[in-house]
């Protein structure tokens, strides 16, 4: 029991809180939605990805860009900065805690980079290992037709 709640009720409260905040962030990131459409995806991991967040939880966000012909990223560097800014502004509007490492981990990874670094010493150094594992284990998908 947690704070007088049964475990089931406690986790249901966390799930409801997480889903509410995620829904609000999704509604605020209109510029990011337009910029990543068909080029990249943004996903959330950690406590929000597991739907176990509370009011002190930060939101762990990742951006993964697709590859066009020749393996080039389809999301430009400037578009990445604009997506990151839109995400950060949205989190601030909702009064959520700041990003870990002052935003250090809110970076773009391309699918080609994730494949290229797979199993190399750089895999962990450039955070693609963590990004891949968190995507597979505890991320939330955002329905583009929400």
N, C-alpha and C. Protein backbone atom coordinates (compact mmCIF):
# COMPACT_ATOMS: atom_id res chain seq x y z
N UNK A 1 0.84 -1.18 0.00
CA UNK A 1 0.00 0.00 0.00
C UNK A 1 0.89 1.25 0.00
N UNK A 2 0.51 2.23 -0.78
CA UNK A 2 1.27 3.47 -0.88
C UNK A 2 0.36 4.65 -0.55
N UNK A 3 0.69 5.36 0.53
CA UNK A 3 -0.09 6.53 0.92
C UNK A 3 -1.56 6.22 1.13
N UNK A 4 -1.88 5.06 1.67
CA UNK A 4 -3.26 4.68 1.92
C UNK A 4 -3.96 4.07 0.71
N UNK A 5 -3.28 4.03 -0.44
CA UNK A 5 -3.86 3.44 -1.64
C UNK A 5 -3.36 2.01 -1.81
N UNK A 6 -4.17 1.19 -2.40
CA UNK A 6 -3.69 -0.15 -2.77
C UNK A 6 -2.66 0.02 -3.88
N UNK A 7 -1.82 -0.97 -4.09
CA UNK A 7 -0.83 -0.90 -5.17
C UNK A 7 -1.52 -0.66 -6.51
N UNK A 8 -2.62 -1.33 -6.75
CA UNK A 8 -3.33 -1.18 -8.02
C UNK A 8 -3.83 0.26 -8.19
N UNK A 9 -4.39 0.83 -7.13
CA UNK A 9 -4.87 2.21 -7.21
C UNK A 9 -3.73 3.20 -7.40
N UNK A 10 -2.62 2.95 -6.71
CA UNK A 10 -1.45 3.82 -6.84
C UNK A 10 -0.94 3.83 -8.28
N UNK A 11 -0.79 2.65 -8.88
CA UNK A 11 -0.30 2.59 -10.25
C UNK A 11 -1.33 3.14 -11.24
N UNK A 12 -2.60 3.02 -10.92
CA UNK A 12 -3.63 3.62 -11.78
C UNK A 12 -3.53 5.15 -11.72
N UNK A 13 -3.25 5.71 -10.55
CA UNK A 13 -3.05 7.17 -10.43
C UNK A 13 -1.85 7.62 -11.26
N UNK A 14 -0.74 6.87 -11.18
CA UNK A 14 0.45 7.21 -11.96
C UNK A 14 0.14 7.12 -13.46
N UNK A 15 -0.57 6.08 -13.87
CA UNK A 15 -0.92 5.90 -15.28
C UNK A 15 -1.79 7.08 -15.76
N UNK A 16 -2.77 7.45 -14.96
CA UNK A 16 -3.65 8.56 -15.34
C UNK A 16 -2.87 9.88 -15.42
N UNK A 17 -2.00 10.13 -14.45
CA UNK A 17 -1.18 11.34 -14.47
C UNK A 17 -0.30 11.36 -15.72
N UNK A 18 0.38 10.24 -16.00
CA UNK A 18 1.27 10.15 -17.16
C UNK A 18 0.51 10.38 -18.46
N UNK A 19 -0.62 9.72 -18.61
CA UNK A 19 -1.39 9.85 -19.84
C UNK A 19 -1.91 11.28 -20.02
N UNK A 20 -2.32 11.92 -18.92
CA UNK A 20 -2.79 13.30 -18.99
C UNK A 20 -1.68 14.23 -19.47
N UNK A 21 -0.49 14.12 -18.87
CA UNK A 21 0.63 15.00 -19.26
C UNK A 21 1.07 14.72 -20.69
N UNK A 22 1.13 13.45 -21.07
CA UNK A 22 1.53 13.11 -22.44
C UNK A 22 0.53 13.67 -23.45
N UNK A 23 -0.74 13.58 -23.13
CA UNK A 23 -1.78 14.11 -24.01
C UNK A 23 -1.63 15.63 -24.15
N UNK A 24 -1.34 16.29 -23.05
CA UNK A 24 -1.17 17.75 -23.09
C UNK A 24 0.08 18.15 -23.87
N UNK A 25 1.17 17.42 -23.70
CA UNK A 25 2.38 17.71 -24.47
C UNK A 25 2.09 17.52 -25.95
N UNK A 26 1.43 16.42 -26.31
CA UNK A 26 1.10 16.15 -27.71
C UNK A 26 0.28 17.27 -28.32
N UNK A 27 -0.63 17.84 -27.53
CA UNK A 27 -1.48 18.91 -28.06
C UNK A 27 -0.70 20.22 -28.23
N UNK A 28 0.39 20.38 -27.50
CA UNK A 28 1.17 21.62 -27.57
C UNK A 28 2.26 21.60 -28.65
N UNK A 29 2.70 20.44 -29.07
CA UNK A 29 3.85 20.38 -29.98
C UNK A 29 3.42 20.41 -31.45
N UNK A 30 2.68 21.41 -31.80
CA UNK A 30 2.17 21.50 -33.17
C UNK A 30 3.27 21.75 -34.19
N UNK A 31 4.24 22.59 -33.86
CA UNK A 31 5.34 22.85 -34.81
C UNK A 31 6.19 21.60 -34.98
N UNK A 32 6.49 20.92 -33.89
CA UNK A 32 7.28 19.69 -33.96
C UNK A 32 6.56 18.64 -34.80
N UNK A 33 5.25 18.52 -34.63
CA UNK A 33 4.46 17.56 -35.42
C UNK A 33 4.64 17.82 -36.91
N UNK A 34 4.55 19.08 -37.30
CA UNK A 34 4.68 19.42 -38.72
C UNK A 34 6.08 19.15 -39.24
N UNK A 35 7.09 19.46 -38.41
CA UNK A 35 8.48 19.30 -38.85
C UNK A 35 8.89 17.84 -38.98
N UNK A 36 8.41 16.97 -38.11
CA UNK A 36 8.84 15.57 -38.15
C UNK A 36 7.98 14.70 -39.06
N UNK A 37 6.85 15.20 -39.49
CA UNK A 37 5.92 14.41 -40.30
C UNK A 37 6.64 13.74 -41.48
N UNK A 38 6.66 12.43 -41.46
CA UNK A 38 7.28 11.66 -42.54
C UNK A 38 8.80 11.66 -42.52
N UNK A 39 9.43 12.33 -41.55
CA UNK A 39 10.88 12.44 -41.52
C UNK A 39 11.48 11.84 -40.25
N UNK A 40 10.73 11.85 -39.17
CA UNK A 40 11.29 11.43 -37.89
C UNK A 40 10.16 11.09 -36.94
N UNK A 41 10.56 10.59 -35.78
CA UNK A 41 9.57 10.39 -34.72
C UNK A 41 10.17 10.87 -33.41
N UNK A 42 9.30 11.27 -32.53
CA UNK A 42 9.69 11.66 -31.17
C UNK A 42 9.06 10.64 -30.26
N UNK A 43 9.85 10.09 -29.35
CA UNK A 43 9.27 9.15 -28.40
C UNK A 43 9.75 9.47 -27.00
N UNK A 44 8.94 9.06 -26.05
CA UNK A 44 9.21 9.32 -24.64
C UNK A 44 9.51 8.00 -23.96
N UNK A 45 10.48 8.03 -23.04
CA UNK A 45 10.86 6.81 -22.32
C UNK A 45 10.84 7.11 -20.82
N UNK A 46 11.45 6.26 -20.05
CA UNK A 46 11.53 6.46 -18.61
C UNK A 46 10.17 6.30 -17.95
N UNK A 47 9.96 7.03 -16.87
CA UNK A 47 8.72 6.87 -16.11
C UNK A 47 7.49 7.24 -16.95
N UNK A 48 7.61 8.23 -17.84
CA UNK A 48 6.48 8.56 -18.70
C UNK A 48 6.25 7.47 -19.74
N UNK A 49 7.32 6.90 -20.27
CA UNK A 49 7.18 5.80 -21.22
C UNK A 49 6.55 4.57 -20.60
N UNK A 50 6.82 4.35 -19.32
CA UNK A 50 6.23 3.21 -18.59
C UNK A 50 4.87 3.56 -18.01
N UNK A 51 4.44 4.82 -18.16
CA UNK A 51 3.20 5.36 -17.58
C UNK A 51 3.22 5.24 -16.06
N UNK A 52 4.39 5.58 -15.47
CA UNK A 52 4.57 5.53 -14.02
C UNK A 52 5.07 6.87 -13.47
N UNK A 53 4.82 7.95 -14.19
CA UNK A 53 5.34 9.26 -13.80
C UNK A 53 4.50 9.89 -12.69
N UNK A 54 5.16 10.76 -11.93
CA UNK A 54 4.46 11.58 -10.94
C UNK A 54 4.88 13.03 -11.14
N UNK A 55 4.47 13.90 -10.27
CA UNK A 55 4.71 15.34 -10.45
C UNK A 55 6.18 15.73 -10.42
N UNK A 56 7.06 14.87 -9.92
CA UNK A 56 8.48 15.19 -9.89
C UNK A 56 9.26 14.53 -11.02
N UNK A 57 8.58 13.79 -11.88
CA UNK A 57 9.23 13.08 -12.98
C UNK A 57 9.56 14.01 -14.13
N UNK A 58 10.75 13.85 -14.68
CA UNK A 58 11.08 14.59 -15.90
C UNK A 58 10.68 13.72 -17.08
N UNK A 59 10.59 14.35 -18.25
CA UNK A 59 10.20 13.62 -19.44
C UNK A 59 11.45 13.35 -20.27
N UNK A 60 11.72 12.09 -20.51
CA UNK A 60 12.88 11.67 -21.30
C UNK A 60 12.44 11.51 -22.76
N UNK A 61 12.93 12.40 -23.61
CA UNK A 61 12.51 12.44 -25.00
C UNK A 61 13.68 12.12 -25.94
N UNK A 62 13.36 11.43 -27.01
CA UNK A 62 14.34 11.11 -28.05
C UNK A 62 13.73 11.45 -29.41
N UNK A 63 14.59 11.84 -30.34
CA UNK A 63 14.18 12.09 -31.72
C UNK A 63 14.98 11.14 -32.60
N UNK A 64 14.27 10.38 -33.43
CA UNK A 64 14.93 9.47 -34.38
C UNK A 64 14.49 9.87 -35.77
N UNK A 65 15.47 10.18 -36.62
CA UNK A 65 15.15 10.59 -37.98
C UNK A 65 15.27 9.42 -38.94
N UNK A 66 14.48 9.49 -39.97
CA UNK A 66 14.48 8.49 -41.02
C UNK A 66 15.64 8.80 -41.97
N UNK A 67 15.89 7.90 -42.87
CA UNK A 67 16.95 8.10 -43.86
C UNK A 67 16.34 8.15 -45.25
N UNK A 68 16.80 9.10 -46.01
CA UNK A 68 16.36 9.22 -47.39
C UNK A 68 17.32 8.46 -48.31
N UNK A 69 17.23 8.73 -49.59
CA UNK A 69 18.13 8.08 -50.54
C UNK A 69 19.60 8.36 -50.18
N UNK A 70 20.42 7.36 -50.26
CA UNK A 70 21.83 7.51 -49.94
C UNK A 70 22.11 7.50 -48.45
N UNK A 71 21.10 7.23 -47.63
CA UNK A 71 21.30 7.16 -46.19
C UNK A 71 21.36 8.51 -45.48
N UNK A 72 21.02 9.58 -46.19
CA UNK A 72 21.05 10.90 -45.58
C UNK A 72 19.83 11.12 -44.69
N UNK A 73 20.04 11.83 -43.57
CA UNK A 73 18.94 12.15 -42.68
C UNK A 73 17.90 12.98 -43.43
N UNK A 74 16.64 12.71 -43.16
CA UNK A 74 15.58 13.50 -43.79
C UNK A 74 15.21 14.71 -42.95
N UNK A 75 15.66 14.73 -41.69
CA UNK A 75 15.39 15.87 -40.81
C UNK A 75 16.66 16.71 -40.74
N UNK A 76 16.57 17.96 -41.14
CA UNK A 76 17.75 18.82 -41.17
C UNK A 76 18.16 19.22 -39.74
N UNK A 77 19.36 19.74 -39.61
CA UNK A 77 19.84 20.21 -38.32
C UNK A 77 18.99 21.34 -37.77
N UNK A 78 18.59 22.27 -38.62
CA UNK A 78 17.74 23.39 -38.19
C UNK A 78 16.37 22.87 -37.76
N UNK A 79 15.80 21.93 -38.53
CA UNK A 79 14.52 21.34 -38.14
C UNK A 79 14.64 20.64 -36.79
N UNK A 80 15.75 19.98 -36.55
CA UNK A 80 15.97 19.31 -35.26
C UNK A 80 15.94 20.32 -34.12
N UNK A 81 16.62 21.44 -34.31
CA UNK A 81 16.65 22.48 -33.28
C UNK A 81 15.24 23.02 -33.03
N UNK A 82 14.47 23.21 -34.09
CA UNK A 82 13.10 23.71 -33.94
C UNK A 82 12.20 22.70 -33.23
N UNK A 83 12.38 21.42 -33.54
CA UNK A 83 11.63 20.36 -32.85
C UNK A 83 11.98 20.36 -31.37
N UNK A 84 13.27 20.41 -31.07
CA UNK A 84 13.72 20.42 -29.67
C UNK A 84 13.16 21.63 -28.93
N UNK A 85 13.18 22.79 -29.58
CA UNK A 85 12.67 24.01 -28.95
C UNK A 85 11.17 23.88 -28.67
N UNK A 86 10.43 23.34 -29.62
CA UNK A 86 8.99 23.17 -29.43
C UNK A 86 8.71 22.21 -28.27
N UNK A 87 9.47 21.14 -28.18
CA UNK A 87 9.31 20.19 -27.08
C UNK A 87 9.63 20.85 -25.73
N UNK A 88 10.72 21.59 -25.68
CA UNK A 88 11.13 22.25 -24.43
C UNK A 88 10.08 23.28 -24.00
N UNK A 89 9.60 24.09 -24.95
CA UNK A 89 8.57 25.08 -24.63
C UNK A 89 7.30 24.40 -24.11
N UNK A 90 6.94 23.28 -24.70
CA UNK A 90 5.75 22.56 -24.26
C UNK A 90 5.90 22.05 -22.84
N UNK A 91 7.07 21.51 -22.50
CA UNK A 91 7.30 21.01 -21.15
C UNK A 91 7.24 22.16 -20.14
N UNK A 92 7.80 23.31 -20.52
CA UNK A 92 7.78 24.47 -19.62
C UNK A 92 6.36 24.97 -19.40
N UNK A 93 5.55 24.99 -20.46
CA UNK A 93 4.16 25.43 -20.33
C UNK A 93 3.39 24.55 -19.35
N UNK A 94 3.76 23.28 -19.28
CA UNK A 94 3.07 22.35 -18.38
C UNK A 94 3.72 22.28 -17.01
N UNK A 95 4.75 23.10 -16.81
CA UNK A 95 5.43 23.15 -15.51
C UNK A 95 6.04 21.81 -15.10
N UNK A 96 6.53 21.07 -16.09
CA UNK A 96 7.20 19.79 -15.81
C UNK A 96 8.67 20.05 -15.49
N UNK A 97 9.28 19.17 -14.71
CA UNK A 97 10.71 19.36 -14.40
C UNK A 97 11.55 19.45 -15.67
N UNK A 98 12.69 20.15 -15.57
CA UNK A 98 13.59 20.31 -16.72
C UNK A 98 14.15 18.98 -17.19
N UNK A 99 14.69 19.00 -18.38
CA UNK A 99 15.27 17.79 -18.97
C UNK A 99 16.58 17.43 -18.26
N UNK A 100 16.85 16.14 -18.14
CA UNK A 100 18.10 15.68 -17.54
C UNK A 100 19.31 16.26 -18.28
N UNK A 101 20.34 16.56 -17.52
CA UNK A 101 21.58 17.06 -18.11
C UNK A 101 21.39 18.35 -18.87
N UNK A 102 20.42 19.17 -18.45
CA UNK A 102 20.14 20.43 -19.11
C UNK A 102 19.88 20.24 -20.61
N UNK A 103 19.18 19.16 -20.94
CA UNK A 103 18.81 18.88 -22.33
C UNK A 103 19.86 18.11 -23.11
N UNK A 104 20.92 17.69 -22.45
CA UNK A 104 22.03 16.99 -23.12
C UNK A 104 21.57 15.76 -23.91
N UNK A 105 20.55 15.08 -23.40
CA UNK A 105 20.13 13.82 -24.03
C UNK A 105 19.02 14.00 -25.05
N UNK A 106 18.51 15.21 -25.19
CA UNK A 106 17.49 15.48 -26.20
C UNK A 106 18.20 15.74 -27.52
N UNK A 107 18.61 14.66 -28.13
CA UNK A 107 19.34 14.79 -29.39
C UNK A 107 18.66 13.95 -30.45
N UNK A 108 19.08 14.17 -31.67
CA UNK A 108 18.54 13.41 -32.80
C UNK A 108 19.48 12.25 -33.11
N UNK A 109 18.90 11.09 -33.26
CA UNK A 109 19.64 9.93 -33.74
C UNK A 109 19.00 9.51 -35.05
N UNK A 110 19.81 9.23 -36.03
CA UNK A 110 19.25 8.75 -37.30
C UNK A 110 19.26 7.22 -37.28
N UNK A 111 18.35 6.67 -38.04
CA UNK A 111 18.31 5.21 -38.15
C UNK A 111 19.64 4.71 -38.69
N UNK A 112 20.22 5.41 -39.67
CA UNK A 112 21.49 4.96 -40.23
C UNK A 112 22.60 4.98 -39.18
N UNK A 113 22.61 5.99 -38.30
CA UNK A 113 23.62 6.07 -37.23
C UNK A 113 23.42 4.95 -36.22
N UNK A 114 22.17 4.63 -35.92
CA UNK A 114 21.90 3.55 -34.99
C UNK A 114 22.41 2.22 -35.53
N UNK A 115 22.24 2.00 -36.83
CA UNK A 115 22.71 0.77 -37.46
C UNK A 115 24.24 0.80 -37.55
N UNK A 116 24.80 1.93 -37.94
CA UNK A 116 26.24 2.08 -38.10
C UNK A 116 27.01 1.84 -36.80
N UNK A 117 26.47 2.31 -35.68
CA UNK A 117 27.18 2.20 -34.40
C UNK A 117 26.88 0.89 -33.66
N UNK A 118 25.95 0.10 -34.16
CA UNK A 118 25.54 -1.14 -33.51
C UNK A 118 26.75 -2.03 -33.20
N UNK A 119 26.98 -2.26 -31.92
CA UNK A 119 28.07 -3.14 -31.48
C UNK A 119 29.45 -2.53 -31.51
N UNK A 120 29.59 -1.26 -31.86
CA UNK A 120 30.90 -0.61 -31.89
C UNK A 120 31.15 0.09 -30.56
N UNK A 121 32.40 0.49 -30.30
CA UNK A 121 32.67 1.24 -29.08
C UNK A 121 31.88 2.56 -29.00
N UNK A 122 31.53 3.13 -30.15
CA UNK A 122 30.76 4.37 -30.16
C UNK A 122 29.29 4.18 -29.79
N UNK A 123 28.81 2.95 -29.83
CA UNK A 123 27.39 2.68 -29.59
C UNK A 123 26.91 3.29 -28.29
N UNK A 124 27.66 3.12 -27.23
CA UNK A 124 27.25 3.70 -25.96
C UNK A 124 27.70 5.15 -25.84
N UNK A 125 28.86 5.47 -26.40
CA UNK A 125 29.42 6.81 -26.28
C UNK A 125 28.52 7.88 -26.90
N UNK A 126 27.85 7.55 -28.01
CA UNK A 126 26.98 8.53 -28.65
C UNK A 126 25.51 8.31 -28.29
N UNK A 127 25.28 7.45 -27.30
CA UNK A 127 23.96 7.23 -26.71
C UNK A 127 22.99 6.48 -27.61
N UNK A 128 23.45 5.89 -28.72
CA UNK A 128 22.53 5.14 -29.58
C UNK A 128 22.11 3.83 -28.94
N UNK A 129 22.99 3.22 -28.16
CA UNK A 129 22.64 1.98 -27.46
C UNK A 129 21.46 2.24 -26.51
N UNK A 130 21.59 3.27 -25.70
CA UNK A 130 20.52 3.63 -24.76
C UNK A 130 19.25 3.99 -25.51
N UNK A 131 19.35 4.79 -26.55
CA UNK A 131 18.18 5.20 -27.32
C UNK A 131 17.45 3.98 -27.89
N UNK A 132 18.21 3.03 -28.44
CA UNK A 132 17.62 1.82 -29.02
C UNK A 132 16.92 0.97 -27.96
N UNK A 133 17.60 0.74 -26.84
CA UNK A 133 17.02 -0.09 -25.79
C UNK A 133 15.77 0.55 -25.20
N UNK A 134 15.83 1.83 -24.94
CA UNK A 134 14.66 2.49 -24.36
C UNK A 134 13.50 2.53 -25.35
N UNK A 135 13.80 2.68 -26.62
CA UNK A 135 12.74 2.64 -27.64
C UNK A 135 12.04 1.29 -27.60
N UNK A 136 12.81 0.23 -27.50
CA UNK A 136 12.23 -1.11 -27.51
C UNK A 136 11.55 -1.48 -26.19
N UNK A 137 12.12 -1.06 -25.08
CA UNK A 137 11.65 -1.54 -23.78
C UNK A 137 10.58 -0.69 -23.11
N UNK A 138 10.64 0.62 -23.27
CA UNK A 138 9.71 1.42 -22.47
C UNK A 138 9.26 2.71 -23.12
N UNK A 139 9.08 2.71 -24.41
CA UNK A 139 8.65 3.95 -25.06
C UNK A 139 7.15 3.96 -25.29
N UNK A 140 6.63 5.14 -25.53
CA UNK A 140 5.23 5.34 -25.88
C UNK A 140 5.16 5.85 -27.31
N UNK A 141 4.29 5.23 -28.07
CA UNK A 141 4.07 5.62 -29.45
C UNK A 141 3.00 6.69 -29.49
N UNK A 142 3.18 7.67 -30.35
CA UNK A 142 2.19 8.73 -30.50
C UNK A 142 1.44 8.51 -31.80
N UNK A 143 0.15 8.28 -31.71
CA UNK A 143 -0.69 8.06 -32.89
C UNK A 143 -0.74 9.35 -33.69
N UNK A 144 -0.21 9.34 -34.94
CA UNK A 144 -0.20 10.57 -35.74
C UNK A 144 -1.61 11.05 -36.10
N UNK A 145 -2.60 10.20 -36.00
CA UNK A 145 -3.97 10.58 -36.33
C UNK A 145 -4.81 10.90 -35.10
N UNK A 146 -4.10 11.17 -33.99
CA UNK A 146 -4.80 11.41 -32.72
C UNK A 146 -5.87 12.39 -32.88
